[in-house]
Amino acid sequence: MNLPMRITFDERDYTYVVLTKGITKETNAIQINLNDTEYQLVCNPKGDWDVVDETVNNHPGLLKAIGRNIKLRYRL
C-alpha cells in the first residue's frame, strides 16, 4: 500500500498517492491518484513531468506542481 503524499498549492492542501512502484531515473511514466481520479504523468524532453490527457478541469498548475514534487522526492 502506498502512503499518501501531501502538497500545498494556492494555499490549499491536497493529498495524492503515487501508484507506480519502483520509480527510478529510467522511469518515463508515473501513475498518480488525486481526488479519486487517476492521472498519468510523463517526462517531456526538458525533464519536466506533464499530464498525458490534460483538460481545463484537471487544474494543470496543480498537476505540474505534483510532477515537480515527485521529481524532487525521487531525485529524477
N, C-alpha and C. Protein backbone atom coordinates (compact mmCIF):
# COMPACT_ATOMS: atom_id res chain seq x y z
N MET A 1 0.84 -1.19 0.00
CA MET A 1 0.00 0.00 0.00
C MET A 1 0.88 1.24 0.00
N ASN A 2 0.56 2.18 -0.87
CA ASN A 2 1.32 3.42 -0.95
C ASN A 2 0.78 4.42 0.06
N LEU A 3 1.69 5.15 0.64
CA LEU A 3 1.29 6.19 1.59
C LEU A 3 0.90 7.45 0.84
N PRO A 4 -0.09 8.17 1.32
CA PRO A 4 -0.47 9.42 0.67
C PRO A 4 0.60 10.49 0.86
N MET A 5 0.78 11.28 -0.18
CA MET A 5 1.72 12.40 -0.13
C MET A 5 0.89 13.68 -0.15
N ARG A 6 1.43 14.71 0.50
CA ARG A 6 0.70 15.98 0.60
C ARG A 6 1.44 17.06 -0.14
N ILE A 7 0.66 18.01 -0.66
CA ILE A 7 1.23 19.18 -1.32
C ILE A 7 0.30 20.36 -1.04
N THR A 8 0.87 21.53 -0.86
CA THR A 8 0.09 22.76 -0.71
C THR A 8 0.23 23.55 -2.00
N PHE A 9 -0.90 23.90 -2.60
CA PHE A 9 -0.91 24.63 -3.86
C PHE A 9 -2.00 25.68 -3.77
N ASP A 10 -1.66 26.91 -4.04
CA ASP A 10 -2.59 28.04 -3.96
C ASP A 10 -3.30 28.08 -2.60
N GLU A 11 -2.51 27.90 -1.54
CA GLU A 11 -2.97 27.98 -0.15
C GLU A 11 -4.03 26.92 0.19
N ARG A 12 -4.05 25.80 -0.55
CA ARG A 12 -4.93 24.68 -0.23
C ARG A 12 -4.09 23.42 -0.15
N ASP A 13 -4.44 22.52 0.74
CA ASP A 13 -3.74 21.26 0.89
C ASP A 13 -4.41 20.18 0.04
N TYR A 14 -3.58 19.40 -0.64
CA TYR A 14 -4.05 18.29 -1.46
C TYR A 14 -3.30 17.04 -1.05
N THR A 15 -3.95 15.90 -1.18
CA THR A 15 -3.33 14.61 -0.90
C THR A 15 -3.43 13.76 -2.15
N TYR A 16 -2.32 13.13 -2.52
CA TYR A 16 -2.30 12.26 -3.68
C TYR A 16 -1.49 11.02 -3.35
N VAL A 17 -1.67 9.97 -4.16
CA VAL A 17 -0.96 8.71 -3.97
C VAL A 17 -0.24 8.38 -5.27
N VAL A 18 1.04 8.02 -5.16
CA VAL A 18 1.81 7.56 -6.31
C VAL A 18 1.53 6.07 -6.47
N LEU A 19 0.96 5.68 -7.60
CA LEU A 19 0.57 4.29 -7.83
C LEU A 19 1.69 3.46 -8.47
N THR A 20 2.62 4.11 -9.14
CA THR A 20 3.72 3.43 -9.81
C THR A 20 4.72 2.93 -8.78
N LYS A 21 5.11 1.69 -8.91
CA LYS A 21 6.08 1.09 -7.99
C LYS A 21 7.47 1.12 -8.61
N GLY A 22 8.50 1.21 -7.78
CA GLY A 22 9.88 1.12 -8.25
C GLY A 22 10.29 2.25 -9.18
N ILE A 23 10.06 3.49 -8.79
CA ILE A 23 10.41 4.63 -9.63
C ILE A 23 11.93 4.84 -9.60
N THR A 24 12.52 4.90 -10.80
CA THR A 24 13.96 5.16 -10.94
C THR A 24 14.16 6.27 -11.96
N LYS A 25 15.41 6.61 -12.23
CA LYS A 25 15.70 7.65 -13.23
C LYS A 25 15.29 7.22 -14.63
N GLU A 26 15.16 5.90 -14.87
CA GLU A 26 14.75 5.40 -16.17
C GLU A 26 13.23 5.38 -16.34
N THR A 27 12.49 5.64 -15.29
CA THR A 27 11.02 5.66 -15.36
C THR A 27 10.59 6.83 -16.25
N ASN A 28 9.70 6.56 -17.21
CA ASN A 28 9.25 7.64 -18.09
C ASN A 28 7.75 7.92 -17.97
N ALA A 29 7.04 7.16 -17.11
CA ALA A 29 5.61 7.40 -16.87
C ALA A 29 5.28 7.05 -15.43
N ILE A 30 4.49 7.89 -14.78
CA ILE A 30 4.12 7.69 -13.39
C ILE A 30 2.60 7.85 -13.26
N GLN A 31 1.96 6.90 -12.62
CA GLN A 31 0.52 6.96 -12.34
C GLN A 31 0.31 7.53 -10.94
N ILE A 32 -0.61 8.49 -10.82
CA ILE A 32 -0.97 9.04 -9.51
C ILE A 32 -2.47 9.02 -9.36
N ASN A 33 -2.92 9.08 -8.12
CA ASN A 33 -4.34 9.17 -7.81
C ASN A 33 -4.54 10.46 -7.01
N LEU A 34 -5.34 11.36 -7.55
CA LEU A 34 -5.64 12.65 -6.91
C LEU A 34 -7.15 12.80 -6.90
N ASN A 35 -7.72 12.93 -5.70
CA ASN A 35 -9.17 13.09 -5.55
C ASN A 35 -9.93 11.97 -6.26
N ASP A 36 -9.51 10.73 -6.07
CA ASP A 36 -10.15 9.55 -6.65
C ASP A 36 -10.14 9.55 -8.18
N THR A 37 -9.23 10.27 -8.78
CA THR A 37 -9.06 10.28 -10.23
C THR A 37 -7.61 9.94 -10.53
N GLU A 38 -7.40 9.02 -11.46
CA GLU A 38 -6.05 8.62 -11.82
C GLU A 38 -5.54 9.47 -12.98
N TYR A 39 -4.28 9.88 -12.87
CA TYR A 39 -3.61 10.65 -13.91
C TYR A 39 -2.29 9.97 -14.23
N GLN A 40 -1.86 10.11 -15.48
CA GLN A 40 -0.56 9.60 -15.88
C GLN A 40 0.33 10.78 -16.20
N LEU A 41 1.47 10.84 -15.52
CA LEU A 41 2.46 11.87 -15.77
C LEU A 41 3.57 11.26 -16.62
N VAL A 42 4.01 11.98 -17.64
CA VAL A 42 5.11 11.52 -18.48
C VAL A 42 6.20 12.59 -18.50
N CYS A 43 7.41 12.14 -18.68
CA CYS A 43 8.56 13.05 -18.70
C CYS A 43 8.72 13.62 -20.11
N ASN A 44 8.79 14.95 -20.20
CA ASN A 44 8.98 15.58 -21.51
C ASN A 44 10.49 15.75 -21.76
N PRO A 45 10.90 16.17 -22.95
CA PRO A 45 12.34 16.30 -23.25
C PRO A 45 13.10 17.26 -22.33
N LYS A 46 12.41 18.22 -21.72
CA LYS A 46 13.06 19.15 -20.80
C LYS A 46 13.32 18.54 -19.42
N GLY A 47 12.73 17.37 -19.15
CA GLY A 47 12.87 16.72 -17.85
C GLY A 47 11.76 17.06 -16.89
N ASP A 48 10.73 17.78 -17.35
CA ASP A 48 9.58 18.10 -16.51
C ASP A 48 8.52 17.02 -16.71
N TRP A 49 7.65 16.88 -15.71
CA TRP A 49 6.59 15.87 -15.76
C TRP A 49 5.27 16.54 -16.08
N ASP A 50 4.61 16.08 -17.14
CA ASP A 50 3.34 16.64 -17.60
C ASP A 50 2.28 15.55 -17.64
N VAL A 51 1.02 15.97 -17.57
CA VAL A 51 -0.10 15.04 -17.64
C VAL A 51 -0.37 14.69 -19.09
N VAL A 52 -0.68 13.41 -19.36
CA VAL A 52 -0.92 12.95 -20.73
C VAL A 52 -2.20 13.56 -21.29
N ASP A 53 -3.32 13.34 -20.64
CA ASP A 53 -4.62 13.83 -21.12
C ASP A 53 -5.07 15.00 -20.26
N GLU A 54 -4.50 16.14 -20.51
CA GLU A 54 -4.79 17.31 -19.68
C GLU A 54 -6.00 18.07 -20.22
N THR A 55 -6.91 18.40 -19.31
CA THR A 55 -8.06 19.23 -19.66
C THR A 55 -8.08 20.42 -18.71
N VAL A 56 -8.94 21.37 -18.96
CA VAL A 56 -9.02 22.57 -18.13
C VAL A 56 -9.47 22.21 -16.71
N ASN A 57 -10.32 21.21 -16.57
CA ASN A 57 -10.85 20.83 -15.26
C ASN A 57 -9.82 20.16 -14.37
N ASN A 58 -8.70 19.74 -14.91
CA ASN A 58 -7.71 18.97 -14.17
C ASN A 58 -6.74 19.82 -13.34
N HIS A 59 -6.91 21.12 -13.30
CA HIS A 59 -6.00 22.00 -12.57
C HIS A 59 -4.56 21.80 -13.04
N PRO A 60 -4.23 22.24 -14.24
CA PRO A 60 -2.90 21.97 -14.80
C PRO A 60 -1.76 22.47 -13.92
N GLY A 61 -1.94 23.58 -13.23
CA GLY A 61 -0.89 24.08 -12.34
C GLY A 61 -0.63 23.14 -11.18
N LEU A 62 -1.69 22.60 -10.61
CA LEU A 62 -1.57 21.65 -9.51
C LEU A 62 -0.85 20.38 -9.97
N LEU A 63 -1.24 19.84 -11.12
CA LEU A 63 -0.61 18.62 -11.61
C LEU A 63 0.85 18.83 -11.96
N LYS A 64 1.19 20.01 -12.47
CA LYS A 64 2.59 20.33 -12.76
C LYS A 64 3.37 20.43 -11.45
N ALA A 65 2.78 21.01 -10.41
CA ALA A 65 3.43 21.10 -9.09
C ALA A 65 3.63 19.71 -8.49
N ILE A 66 2.66 18.82 -8.68
CA ILE A 66 2.81 17.44 -8.21
C ILE A 66 3.96 16.76 -8.96
N GLY A 67 4.06 16.99 -10.26
CA GLY A 67 5.17 16.44 -11.04
C GLY A 67 6.52 16.91 -10.53
N ARG A 68 6.63 18.20 -10.19
CA ARG A 68 7.88 18.73 -9.62
C ARG A 68 8.16 18.11 -8.26
N ASN A 69 7.11 17.94 -7.45
CA ASN A 69 7.25 17.34 -6.13
C ASN A 69 7.77 15.90 -6.24
N ILE A 70 7.21 15.13 -7.16
CA ILE A 70 7.66 13.75 -7.37
C ILE A 70 9.10 13.73 -7.88
N LYS A 71 9.42 14.64 -8.78
CA LYS A 71 10.78 14.72 -9.31
C LYS A 71 11.79 14.97 -8.19
N LEU A 72 11.47 15.85 -7.29
CA LEU A 72 12.37 16.13 -6.16
C LEU A 72 12.40 14.98 -5.17
N ARG A 73 11.26 14.39 -4.89
CA ARG A 73 11.16 13.31 -3.91
C ARG A 73 11.96 12.08 -4.33
N TYR A 74 11.86 11.73 -5.60
CA TYR A 74 12.53 10.53 -6.10
C TYR A 74 13.86 10.84 -6.80
N ARG A 75 14.29 12.10 -6.78
CA ARG A 75 15.55 12.54 -7.37
C ARG A 75 15.68 12.12 -8.83
N LEU A 76 14.66 12.48 -9.61
CA LEU A 76 14.63 12.11 -11.01
C LEU A 76 15.34 13.13 -11.88
